Amino acid sequence: MVINNNRKIFALQKEFSELFPGLKIIFFAKPSKPGAPPSIKLVKQGSKTLQECRAIHHEGIIEILPTMDISEIMENFRDQFGLSVEIIQKSGEDFDERAVIEKLTIREINDLYSL
């Protein structure tokens, strides 16, 4: 999965869930000021592009590979785009709002929760 400025939030979330059906990625609103702590407010408008939501505005691409661990993915979003993300597990038919274990790879976590 390749992520860049022009991707819409809803499209990123859809592709992520198709690749990792046991998981969901959620995006938090950018901080109100540079250097401010991450927002606890979720991005509600999935039609926004990554460019519209990010706090850091330099060019970049993020790749998400099944062998990456959750903390690495979260760090890449923070460092490259200034965005806070969380990856949560799917539990039954609803998404469980507990964050997944950050040191497991995304493939390992997806396999656990997509049974």
C-alpha atoms as a PDB file:
ATOM      1  CA  MET A   1       0.000   0.000   0.000  1.00  0.00           C
ATOM      2  CA  VAL A   2       1.467   3.329  -1.066  1.00  0.00           C
ATOM      3  CA  ILE A   3       0.297   6.578   0.523  1.00  0.00           C
ATOM      4  CA  ASN A   4       0.838  10.101  -0.809  1.00  0.00           C
ATOM      5  CA  ASN A   5      -0.647  13.628  -0.517  1.00  0.00           C
ATOM      6  CA  ASN A   6      -3.410  13.140  -3.076  1.00  0.00           C
ATOM      7  CA  ARG A   7      -5.045  10.093  -1.500  1.00  0.00           C
ATOM      8  CA  LYS A   8      -8.397  10.658   0.183  1.00  0.00           C
ATOM      9  CA  ILE A   9      -8.825   9.470   3.769  1.00  0.00           C
ATOM     10  CA  PHE A  10     -11.813   7.225   2.956  1.00  0.00           C
ATOM     11  CA  ALA A  11      -9.878   5.580   0.084  1.00  0.00           C
ATOM     12  CA  LEU A  12      -6.887   4.914   2.344  1.00  0.00           C
ATOM     13  CA  GLN A  13      -9.132   3.400   4.993  1.00  0.00           C
ATOM     14  CA  LYS A  14     -10.939   1.235   2.444  1.00  0.00           C
ATOM     15  CA  GLU A  15      -7.735  -0.056   0.850  1.00  0.00           C
ATOM     16  CA  PHE A  16      -6.177  -0.708   4.258  1.00  0.00           C
ATOM     17  CA  SER A  17      -9.231  -2.731   5.361  1.00  0.00           C
ATOM     18  CA  GLU A  18      -9.218  -4.699   2.105  1.00  0.00           C
ATOM     19  CA  LEU A  19      -5.538  -5.589   2.541  1.00  0.00           C
ATOM     20  CA  PHE A  20      -5.871  -6.255   6.274  1.00  0.00           C
ATOM     21  CA  PRO A  21      -9.522  -7.297   6.883  1.00  0.00           C
ATOM     22  CA  GLY A  22      -8.993  -7.809  10.616  1.00  0.00           C
ATOM     23  CA  LEU A  23      -7.834  -4.222  11.103  1.00  0.00           C
ATOM     24  CA  LYS A  24      -8.891  -0.626  10.581  1.00  0.00           C
ATOM     25  CA  ILE A  25      -6.773   2.554  10.387  1.00  0.00           C
ATOM     26  CA  ILE A  26      -8.146   5.766  11.866  1.00  0.00           C
ATOM     27  CA  PHE A  27      -6.787   9.282  11.392  1.00  0.00           C
ATOM     28  CA  PHE A  28      -6.694  12.038  13.991  1.00  0.00           C
ATOM     29  CA  ALA A  29      -7.041  15.713  13.146  1.00  0.00           C
ATOM     30  CA  LYS A  30      -3.802  17.670  12.870  1.00  0.00           C
ATOM     31  CA  PRO A  31      -2.570  19.665  15.864  1.00  0.00           C
ATOM     32  CA  SER A  32      -3.797  23.237  15.992  1.00  0.00           C
ATOM     33  CA  LYS A  33      -0.215  24.554  16.157  1.00  0.00           C
ATOM     34  CA  PRO A  34       3.097  23.117  14.946  1.00  0.00           C
ATOM     35  CA  GLY A  35       4.710  21.183  17.770  1.00  0.00           C
ATOM     36  CA  ALA A  36       1.417  20.867  19.641  1.00  0.00           C
ATOM     37  CA  PRO A  37       0.398  17.474  21.001  1.00  0.00           C
ATOM     38  CA  PRO A  38      -1.611  15.259  18.660  1.00  0.00           C
ATOM     39  CA  SER A  39      -5.313  15.831  18.506  1.00  0.00           C
ATOM     40  CA  ILE A  40      -7.743  13.382  20.046  1.00  0.00           C
ATOM     41  CA  LYS A  41     -10.307  14.501  17.485  1.00  0.00           C
ATOM     42  CA  LEU A  42     -10.846  12.067  14.608  1.00  0.00           C
ATOM     43  CA  VAL A  43     -10.862  13.167  10.983  1.00  0.00           C
ATOM     44  CA  LYS A  44     -14.593  12.988  10.244  1.00  0.00           C
ATOM     45  CA  GLN A  45     -14.591  14.001   6.591  1.00  0.00           C
ATOM     46  CA  GLY A  46     -13.230  11.024   4.721  1.00  0.00           C
ATOM     47  CA  SER A  47     -13.411  13.024   1.502  1.00  0.00           C
ATOM     48  CA  LYS A  48     -10.437  15.150   2.591  1.00  0.00           C
ATOM     49  CA  THR A  49      -7.071  14.403   1.055  1.00  0.00           C
ATOM     50  CA  LEU A  50      -4.061  13.582   3.149  1.00  0.00           C
ATOM     51  CA  GLN A  51      -2.641  16.971   2.123  1.00  0.00           C
ATOM     52  CA  GLU A  52      -5.627  18.748   3.716  1.00  0.00           C
ATOM     53  CA  CYS A  53      -5.203  16.910   7.029  1.00  0.00           C
ATOM     54  CA  ARG A  54      -1.493  16.918   7.547  1.00  0.00           C
ATOM     55  CA  ALA A  55       0.607  19.164   9.763  1.00  0.00           C
ATOM     56  CA  ILE A  56       3.939  18.694   7.974  1.00  0.00           C
ATOM     57  CA  HIS A  57       3.926  19.873   4.363  1.00  0.00           C
ATOM     58  CA  HIS A  58       6.868  18.384   2.552  1.00  0.00           C
ATOM     59  CA  GLU A  59       6.677  15.802  -0.194  1.00  0.00           C
ATOM     60  CA  GLY A  60       6.631  12.197   0.842  1.00  0.00           C
ATOM     61  CA  ILE A  61       5.310   8.721   0.351  1.00  0.00           C
ATOM     62  CA  ILE A  62       4.680   6.033   2.931  1.00  0.00           C
ATOM     63  CA  GLU A  63       4.611   2.349   2.137  1.00  0.00           C
ATOM     64  CA  ILE A  64       2.760  -0.057   4.386  1.00  0.00           C
ATOM     65  CA  LEU A  65       4.102  -3.581   4.134  1.00  0.00           C
ATOM     66  CA  PRO A  66       2.750  -6.679   5.931  1.00  0.00           C
ATOM     67  CA  THR A  67       6.146  -7.120   7.618  1.00  0.00           C
ATOM     68  CA  MET A  68       6.061  -3.688   9.307  1.00  0.00           C
ATOM     69  CA  ASP A  69       5.086  -3.409  12.947  1.00  0.00           C
ATOM     70  CA  ILE A  70       2.305  -1.082  14.080  1.00  0.00           C
ATOM     71  CA  SER A  71       4.617   1.358  15.867  1.00  0.00           C
ATOM     72  CA  GLU A  72       6.694   1.731  12.682  1.00  0.00           C
ATOM     73  CA  ILE A  73       3.591   2.610  10.650  1.00  0.00           C
ATOM     74  CA  MET A  74       2.454   5.131  13.266  1.00  0.00           C
ATOM     75  CA  GLU A  75       5.932   6.712  13.369  1.00  0.00           C
ATOM     76  CA  ASN A  76       6.053   6.966   9.571  1.00  0.00           C
ATOM     77  CA  PHE A  77       2.747   8.858   9.472  1.00  0.00           C
ATOM     78  CA  ARG A  78       3.893  11.168  12.272  1.00  0.00           C
ATOM     79  CA  ASP A  79       7.369  11.801  10.858  1.00  0.00           C
ATOM     80  CA  GLN A  80       6.463  12.056   7.177  1.00  0.00           C
ATOM     81  CA  PHE A  81       3.069  13.777   7.321  1.00  0.00           C
ATOM     82  CA  GLY A  82       2.660  15.070  10.872  1.00  0.00           C
ATOM     83  CA  LEU A  83      -0.420  12.886  11.271  1.00  0.00           C
ATOM     84  CA  SER A  84      -1.470  10.754  14.189  1.00  0.00           C
ATOM     85  CA  VAL A  85      -3.001   7.417  13.255  1.00  0.00           C
ATOM     86  CA  GLU A  86      -4.152   4.425  15.198  1.00  0.00           C
ATOM     87  CA  ILE A  87      -4.672   0.900  13.982  1.00  0.00           C
ATOM     88  CA  ILE A  88      -7.464  -0.927  15.719  1.00  0.00           C
ATOM     89  CA  GLN A  89      -8.580  -4.524  15.558  1.00  0.00           C
ATOM     90  CA  LYS A  90     -11.831  -5.834  14.229  1.00  0.00           C
ATOM     91  CA  SER A  91     -13.705  -7.861  16.809  1.00  0.00           C
ATOM     92  CA  GLY A  92     -16.662  -9.794  15.462  1.00  0.00           C
ATOM     93  CA  GLU A  93     -18.779  -7.513  13.306  1.00  0.00           C
ATOM     94  CA  ASP A  94     -17.735  -4.273  14.994  1.00  0.00           C
ATOM     95  CA  PHE A  95     -14.372  -2.643  15.387  1.00  0.00           C
ATOM     96  CA  ASP A  96     -12.937  -2.865  18.857  1.00  0.00           C
ATOM     97  CA  GLU A  97     -11.596   0.527  19.901  1.00  0.00           C
ATOM     98  CA  ARG A  98      -8.582  -0.988  21.673  1.00  0.00           C
ATOM     99  CA  ALA A  99      -5.303  -0.266  19.948  1.00  0.00           C
ATOM    100  CA  VAL A 100      -3.465  -3.335  18.730  1.00  0.00           C
ATOM    101  CA  ILE A 101      -0.117  -4.436  20.095  1.00  0.00           C
ATOM    102  CA  GLU A 102       2.442  -2.124  18.514  1.00  0.00           C
ATOM    103  CA  LYS A 103       5.413  -4.509  18.322  1.00  0.00           C
ATOM    104  CA  LEU A 104       3.705  -7.216  16.259  1.00  0.00           C
ATOM    105  CA  THR A 105       3.802  -6.982  12.487  1.00  0.00           C
ATOM    106  CA  ILE A 106       0.675  -5.910  10.730  1.00  0.00           C
ATOM    107  CA  ARG A 107       0.435  -9.373   9.121  1.00  0.00           C
ATOM    108  CA  GLU A 108       0.606 -11.092  12.534  1.00  0.00           C
ATOM    109  CA  ILE A 109      -2.083  -8.870  14.002  1.00  0.00           C
ATOM    110  CA  ASN A 110      -4.319  -9.162  10.969  1.00  0.00           C
ATOM    111  CA  ASP A 111      -4.031 -12.952  11.063  1.00  0.00           C
ATOM    112  CA  LEU A 112      -5.057 -12.942  14.733  1.00  0.00           C
ATOM    113  CA  TYR A 113      -8.162 -10.827  14.180  1.00  0.00           C
ATOM    114  CA  SER A 114      -9.388 -11.943  10.781  1.00  0.00           C
ATOM    115  CA  LEU A 115     -10.170 -15.536  11.769  1.00  0.00           C
END
